[in-house]
Amino acid sequence: MPPDSLTLRAPAKINLSLRVTGRRPDGYHTLDTLMQKVALYDRLVLRPKKRGIRLSCPDSDLPEDDSNLVHRAAAHFLSSMGHRLSGTAQGVELVLFKTIPVAAGLGGGSSDAAATLLGMNRIFQAGCSRRELAEMGLALGADVPFFVSDLAAARATGIGEVLVPAPSLEGYLVLLANPGFSVSTRWVYETFALTSETKKINLSNSLDDERRSKQGGPSSGRYDYHFEMTNDLERVTISRHPGISEIKQALLAGGAEAAMMSGSGPTVFALFPLQQLERARKCQHTLRASCPHVFLVEPLRSERGG
């Protein structure tokens, strides 16, 4: 019997590295990025209903119509898998409780969409494989397949949909500092394209040696990650929002081993070794004076890839 209701957690992610490798004829940019899920969650409740889609987002300014990615994910699932639905229910009621900041570089919208697909597959007993759900998810956003997967960390190429399991980040706490405003991912990529194509600047190679040494990834050698903490989009976003750079410097001054903007921003994350929990908490307290959203979380782990 399908469940009367289902509650799922939708995790955030950080980009431990992000390089823009090209641009396709359709305008999408190709990437090479290392993504890691972290223990910051939205919560999604799903209940089957006879027909239609009803979405509510309590204590949030998010739209509750088809402009919301969760609503679109539900509609896409119903239109794609209607022939597999069991019982008389042909619709769904969804309640989304937001914790992950919106348009923050943390993948919250994509994660919510993935949770919608996963949850509807269960409540309707549609029998979709994760691959099928990932293919559905790609029509909603390039990060959705990663959140549909059972991977805690993955290297993603293409437009973000080609996933290879990666070792989960271990031995570190992640401090997330969000300044309280949103950033348009589309604007960031369009501006990156303008900068790289007309000014001939390779953003990933324009960092000086001192900056690389400060943000070049965990340096202790305890874990074999083989990645360089570089975000090609960071300079674009900072050009409009210079306060992001100040957040990075505050995190490094607070004892973080590394700090960098996640995705298209504006959230900045910092890595603190586990044994420096008190230092991380002190830095979290300090950042709350300037950032309305500050979270100290752990990276998630999965059986695959780490």
Protein backbone atom coordinates (compact mmCIF):
# COMPACT_ATOMS: atom_id res chain seq x y z
CA MET A 1 0.00 0.00 0.00
CA PRO A 2 1.30 3.47 -0.81
CA PRO A 3 1.84 5.74 2.21
CA ASP A 4 -0.86 8.26 3.15
CA SER A 5 1.88 10.86 3.50
CA LEU A 6 5.63 11.04 3.17
CA THR A 7 8.19 13.44 4.62
CA LEU A 8 11.60 13.85 2.98
CA ARG A 9 14.64 15.97 3.71
CA ALA A 10 16.26 17.85 0.85
CA PRO A 11 19.95 18.63 1.55
CA ALA A 12 22.00 21.60 0.41
CA LYS A 13 25.28 21.27 -1.48
CA ILE A 14 28.52 23.16 -1.81
CA ASN A 15 30.86 23.29 -4.80
CA LEU A 16 34.33 22.39 -3.59
CA SER A 17 35.57 23.35 -7.04
CA LEU A 18 33.85 24.82 -10.08
CA ARG A 19 35.40 25.46 -13.47
CA VAL A 20 33.55 26.68 -16.53
CA THR A 21 34.95 24.63 -19.42
CA GLY A 22 32.96 25.91 -22.38
CA ARG A 23 29.68 27.05 -23.82
CA ARG A 24 27.34 24.98 -25.96
CA PRO A 25 25.49 26.29 -29.04
CA ASP A 26 22.25 26.32 -27.02
CA GLY A 27 23.79 28.80 -24.58
CA TYR A 28 24.34 26.40 -21.68
CA HIS A 29 27.79 26.42 -20.10
CA THR A 30 29.71 23.21 -19.57
CA LEU A 31 31.29 22.65 -16.18
CA ASP A 32 33.75 20.56 -14.26
CA THR A 33 32.68 20.74 -10.63
CA LEU A 34 33.06 18.79 -7.41
CA MET A 35 29.81 18.86 -5.43
CA GLN A 36 29.33 17.80 -1.82
CA LYS A 37 26.00 17.46 -0.02
CA VAL A 38 25.85 18.95 3.48
CA ALA A 39 23.54 18.50 6.46
CA LEU A 40 21.41 21.59 5.91
CA TYR A 41 17.92 20.57 4.88
CA ASP A 42 14.60 21.74 3.55
CA ARG A 43 11.66 19.51 4.49
CA LEU A 44 9.03 18.35 2.02
CA VAL A 45 5.73 16.67 2.93
CA LEU A 46 3.79 14.87 0.18
CA ARG A 47 0.22 13.55 0.32
CA PRO A 48 -1.57 11.93 -2.61
CA LYS A 49 -4.90 13.44 -3.68
CA LYS A 50 -7.45 12.59 -6.33
CA ARG A 51 -6.30 15.14 -8.86
CA GLY A 52 -4.33 18.34 -9.29
CA ILE A 53 -1.31 19.82 -7.54
CA ARG A 54 -1.49 21.93 -4.43
CA LEU A 55 1.69 23.47 -3.00
CA SER A 56 2.10 25.49 0.16
CA CYS A 57 5.29 27.06 1.52
CA PRO A 58 4.61 28.12 5.13
CA ASP A 59 6.62 31.03 6.56
CA SER A 60 8.15 31.70 3.16
CA ASP A 61 7.77 34.24 0.37
CA LEU A 62 8.17 31.54 -2.27
CA PRO A 63 5.46 31.29 -4.95
CA GLU A 64 3.05 28.38 -4.60
CA ASP A 65 2.12 28.07 -8.26
CA ASP A 66 3.79 26.60 -11.34
CA SER A 67 6.61 29.14 -11.09
CA ASN A 68 7.90 27.12 -8.12
CA LEU A 69 10.32 24.34 -9.07
CA VAL A 70 8.61 21.90 -6.70
CA HIS A 71 5.27 22.47 -8.43
CA ARG A 72 6.92 22.05 -11.82
CA ALA A 73 8.64 18.84 -10.69
CA ALA A 74 5.32 17.40 -9.54
CA ALA A 75 3.62 18.34 -12.81
CA HIS A 76 6.47 16.88 -14.84
CA PHE A 77 6.31 13.61 -12.91
CA LEU A 78 2.54 13.31 -13.33
CA SER A 79 2.70 14.02 -17.06
CA SER A 80 5.61 11.63 -17.59
CA MET A 81 4.52 8.78 -15.32
CA GLY A 82 0.73 9.03 -15.28
CA HIS A 83 0.46 5.63 -16.93
CA ARG A 84 2.29 4.03 -13.99
CA LEU A 85 0.30 5.53 -11.14
CA SER A 86 -1.48 3.07 -8.89
CA GLY A 87 -4.87 3.55 -7.25
CA THR A 88 -7.32 6.39 -7.73
CA ALA A 89 -4.96 9.22 -6.71
CA GLN A 90 -3.74 11.23 -9.67
CA GLY A 91 -2.62 14.38 -7.85
CA VAL A 92 -0.51 15.51 -4.95
CA GLU A 93 -0.48 17.97 -2.08
CA LEU A 94 2.97 19.30 -1.17
CA VAL A 95 4.12 21.34 1.81
CA LEU A 96 7.63 22.79 1.59
CA PHE A 97 9.36 24.01 4.74
CA LYS A 98 12.37 26.11 3.69
CA THR A 99 15.60 26.38 5.65
CA ILE A 100 18.14 26.58 2.83
CA PRO A 101 18.47 30.21 1.64
CA VAL A 102 16.97 30.89 -1.79
CA ALA A 103 19.17 31.63 -4.85
CA ALA A 104 22.20 31.19 -2.62
CA GLY A 105 24.52 28.85 -4.55
CA LEU A 106 23.50 25.93 -2.30
CA GLY A 107 21.19 24.12 -4.73
CA GLY A 108 18.10 24.35 -2.54
CA GLY A 109 15.61 24.62 -5.39
CA SER A 110 17.16 21.71 -7.27
CA SER A 111 17.25 19.61 -4.11
CA ASP A 112 13.57 20.35 -3.44
CA ALA A 113 12.72 19.33 -7.01
CA ALA A 114 14.69 16.10 -6.61
CA ALA A 115 12.92 15.33 -3.33
CA THR A 116 9.60 15.89 -5.12
CA LEU A 117 10.48 13.35 -7.82
CA LEU A 118 11.79 10.82 -5.30
CA GLY A 119 8.78 11.28 -3.05
CA MET A 120 6.19 11.01 -5.80
CA ASN A 121 7.86 7.87 -7.10
CA ARG A 122 7.32 6.35 -3.65
CA ILE A 123 3.82 7.52 -2.85
CA PHE A 124 2.52 6.52 -6.28
CA GLN A 125 4.60 3.31 -6.43
CA ALA A 126 5.62 4.19 -9.98
CA GLY A 127 8.72 1.99 -9.89
CA CYS A 128 11.03 4.52 -11.54
CA SER A 129 14.75 3.92 -11.30
CA ARG A 130 17.03 6.71 -10.13
CA ARG A 131 18.26 6.99 -13.71
CA GLU A 132 14.74 7.61 -14.95
CA LEU A 133 14.18 10.19 -12.22
CA ALA A 134 17.50 11.85 -13.06
CA GLU A 135 16.45 12.12 -16.71
CA MET A 136 13.21 13.75 -15.60
CA GLY A 137 15.15 16.02 -13.26
CA LEU A 138 17.50 17.27 -15.96
CA ALA A 139 14.54 18.99 -17.63
CA LEU A 140 14.12 20.97 -14.40
CA GLY A 141 17.72 21.92 -13.67
CA ALA A 142 21.29 20.73 -14.18
CA ASP A 143 21.85 20.02 -10.45
CA VAL A 144 18.69 17.93 -10.02
CA PRO A 145 20.30 14.63 -11.14
CA PHE A 146 22.95 15.00 -8.41
CA PHE A 147 20.29 15.40 -5.74
CA VAL A 148 18.29 12.49 -7.15
CA SER A 149 21.37 10.28 -6.87
CA ASP A 150 22.39 8.50 -3.68
CA LEU A 151 25.84 10.10 -3.89
CA ALA A 152 27.00 12.43 -1.15
CA ALA A 153 29.77 13.77 -3.37
CA ALA A 154 30.32 13.66 -7.11
CA ARG A 155 32.36 15.17 -9.88
CA ALA A 156 29.93 16.60 -12.41
CA THR A 157 30.71 17.47 -16.02
CA GLY A 158 28.64 18.33 -19.06
CA ILE A 159 26.15 20.95 -17.87
CA GLY A 160 26.33 19.23 -14.49
CA GLU A 161 24.43 16.06 -15.32
CA VAL A 162 27.34 13.63 -15.97
CA LEU A 163 28.16 12.31 -12.50
CA VAL A 164 31.14 10.31 -11.29
CA PRO A 165 31.23 9.23 -7.61
CA ALA A 166 33.79 11.14 -5.54
CA PRO A 167 35.06 10.63 -1.99
CA SER A 168 32.94 12.40 0.60
CA LEU A 169 34.67 15.19 2.47
CA GLU A 170 35.89 13.84 5.80
CA GLY A 171 37.45 15.36 8.88
CA TYR A 172 35.93 18.81 8.40
CA LEU A 173 33.03 20.92 9.54
CA VAL A 174 31.47 23.29 7.01
CA LEU A 175 30.51 26.82 8.05
CA LEU A 176 28.04 28.45 5.65
CA ALA A 177 27.65 32.24 5.67
CA ASN A 178 24.88 33.76 3.57
CA PRO A 179 24.56 37.57 3.44
CA GLY A 180 20.80 37.52 3.04
CA PHE A 181 20.36 38.52 -0.60
CA SER A 182 19.86 36.36 -3.68
CA VAL A 183 21.93 36.16 -6.84
CA SER A 184 20.61 35.29 -10.28
CA THR A 185 22.46 32.29 -11.64
CA ARG A 186 21.54 33.34 -15.18
CA TRP A 187 23.09 36.79 -14.65
CA VAL A 188 26.29 35.29 -13.28
CA TYR A 189 26.76 32.98 -16.27
CA GLU A 190 25.87 35.67 -18.79
CA THR A 191 28.34 38.04 -17.17
CA PHE A 192 31.00 35.35 -17.04
CA ALA A 193 30.53 34.74 -20.75
CA LEU A 194 30.82 38.46 -21.49
CA THR A 195 33.96 38.77 -19.39
CA SER A 196 35.69 35.70 -20.71
CA GLU A 197 34.80 36.22 -24.36
CA THR A 198 35.23 39.97 -24.79
CA LYS A 199 37.97 40.70 -22.29
CA LYS A 200 39.80 37.41 -22.82
CA ILE A 201 40.26 36.87 -19.09
CA ASN A 202 40.58 33.37 -17.72
CA LEU A 203 39.07 33.89 -14.30
CA SER A 204 40.34 30.63 -12.88
CA ASN A 205 43.93 31.55 -13.74
CA SER A 206 43.82 35.16 -12.62
CA LEU A 207 44.15 34.44 -8.89
CA ASP A 208 47.52 35.43 -7.49
CA ASP A 209 49.72 32.92 -5.68
CA GLU A 210 48.96 34.32 -2.24
CA ARG A 211 45.20 33.98 -2.77
CA ARG A 212 45.62 30.46 -4.09
CA SER A 213 47.63 29.49 -1.01
CA LYS A 214 44.86 30.81 1.24
CA GLN A 215 41.94 29.13 -0.54
CA GLY A 216 43.62 26.29 -2.37
CA GLY A 217 41.88 23.55 -0.43
CA PRO A 218 42.70 21.60 2.72
CA SER A 219 46.47 21.52 3.05
CA SER A 220 46.98 18.96 5.82
CA GLY A 221 47.33 16.04 3.42
CA ARG A 222 45.20 13.83 5.68
CA TYR A 223 42.72 13.05 2.92
CA ASP A 224 43.34 12.22 -0.70
CA TYR A 225 40.94 14.58 -2.49
CA HIS A 226 43.07 15.77 -5.41
CA PHE A 227 41.14 18.95 -6.07
CA GLU A 228 41.91 22.62 -6.02
CA MET A 229 39.36 24.93 -4.45
CA THR A 230 38.67 27.22 -7.37
CA ASN A 231 35.39 28.84 -8.41
CA ASP A 232 35.40 30.50 -11.82
CA LEU A 233 32.15 32.32 -10.98
CA GLU A 234 33.37 33.91 -7.78
CA ARG A 235 34.95 37.01 -9.25
CA VAL A 236 31.86 37.72 -11.36
CA THR A 237 29.56 37.71 -8.34
CA ILE A 238 32.00 39.66 -6.18
CA SER A 239 32.17 42.36 -8.88
CA ARG A 240 28.55 43.22 -8.05
CA HIS A 241 28.59 42.20 -4.39
CA PRO A 242 32.03 43.02 -2.92
CA GLY A 243 30.81 42.13 0.56
CA ILE A 244 31.26 38.48 -0.38
CA SER A 245 35.01 39.04 -0.34
CA GLU A 246 34.72 40.53 3.14
CA ILE A 247 32.87 37.43 4.35
CA LYS A 248 35.65 35.24 2.97
CA GLN A 249 38.30 37.27 4.77
CA ALA A 250 36.32 37.14 8.02
CA LEU A 251 36.10 33.35 7.77
CA LEU A 252 39.82 33.00 7.13
CA ALA A 253 40.60 35.43 9.95
CA GLY A 254 38.36 33.31 12.17
CA GLY A 255 40.62 30.30 11.65
CA ALA A 256 39.09 28.53 8.66
CA GLU A 257 41.51 26.35 6.74
CA ALA A 258 39.88 27.40 3.46
CA ALA A 259 36.98 29.59 2.32
CA MET A 260 35.27 30.06 -1.03
CA MET A 261 31.95 31.05 -2.57
CA SER A 262 29.67 28.14 -3.47
CA GLY A 263 28.18 27.93 -6.96
CA SER A 264 27.04 31.29 -8.30
CA GLY A 265 26.82 32.63 -4.75
CA PRO A 266 26.38 34.56 -2.65
CA THR A 267 26.89 31.96 0.11
CA VAL A 268 30.49 31.49 1.24
CA PHE A 269 31.57 28.26 2.89
CA ALA A 270 34.57 27.61 5.10
CA LEU A 271 36.25 24.39 6.18
CA PHE A 272 37.29 23.81 9.78
CA PRO A 273 39.01 20.60 10.94
CA LEU A 274 36.80 18.62 13.32
CA GLN A 275 39.16 19.20 16.23
CA GLN A 276 38.59 22.95 15.86
CA LEU A 277 34.88 22.81 16.70
CA GLU A 278 35.09 25.61 19.26
CA ARG A 279 36.93 27.86 16.84
CA ALA A 280 34.26 27.16 14.23
CA ARG A 281 31.49 28.00 16.71
CA LYS A 282 33.22 31.23 17.68
CA CYS A 283 33.54 32.19 14.01
CA GLN A 284 29.88 31.32 13.48
CA HIS A 285 28.90 33.64 16.34
CA THR A 286 31.05 36.45 14.94
CA LEU A 287 29.61 36.13 11.42
CA ARG A 288 26.04 36.37 12.69
CA ALA A 289 26.59 40.08 13.27
CA SER A 290 26.87 40.65 9.51
CA CYS A 291 25.16 37.61 7.94
CA PRO A 292 21.53 36.74 8.67
CA HIS A 293 22.01 33.08 7.75
CA VAL A 294 24.99 31.24 9.25
CA PHE A 295 25.01 27.45 9.61
CA LEU A 296 27.63 25.07 11.01
CA VAL A 297 27.03 21.68 9.39
CA GLU A 298 28.71 18.41 8.54
CA PRO A 299 29.32 17.04 5.04
CA LEU A 300 27.14 14.05 4.22
CA ARG A 301 28.55 10.64 3.50
CA SER A 302 27.32 7.90 1.21
CA GLU A 303 28.15 4.26 0.72
CA ARG A 304 29.12 5.00 -2.85
CA GLY A 305 32.06 7.26 -3.55
CA GLY A 306 33.41 7.57 -0.01
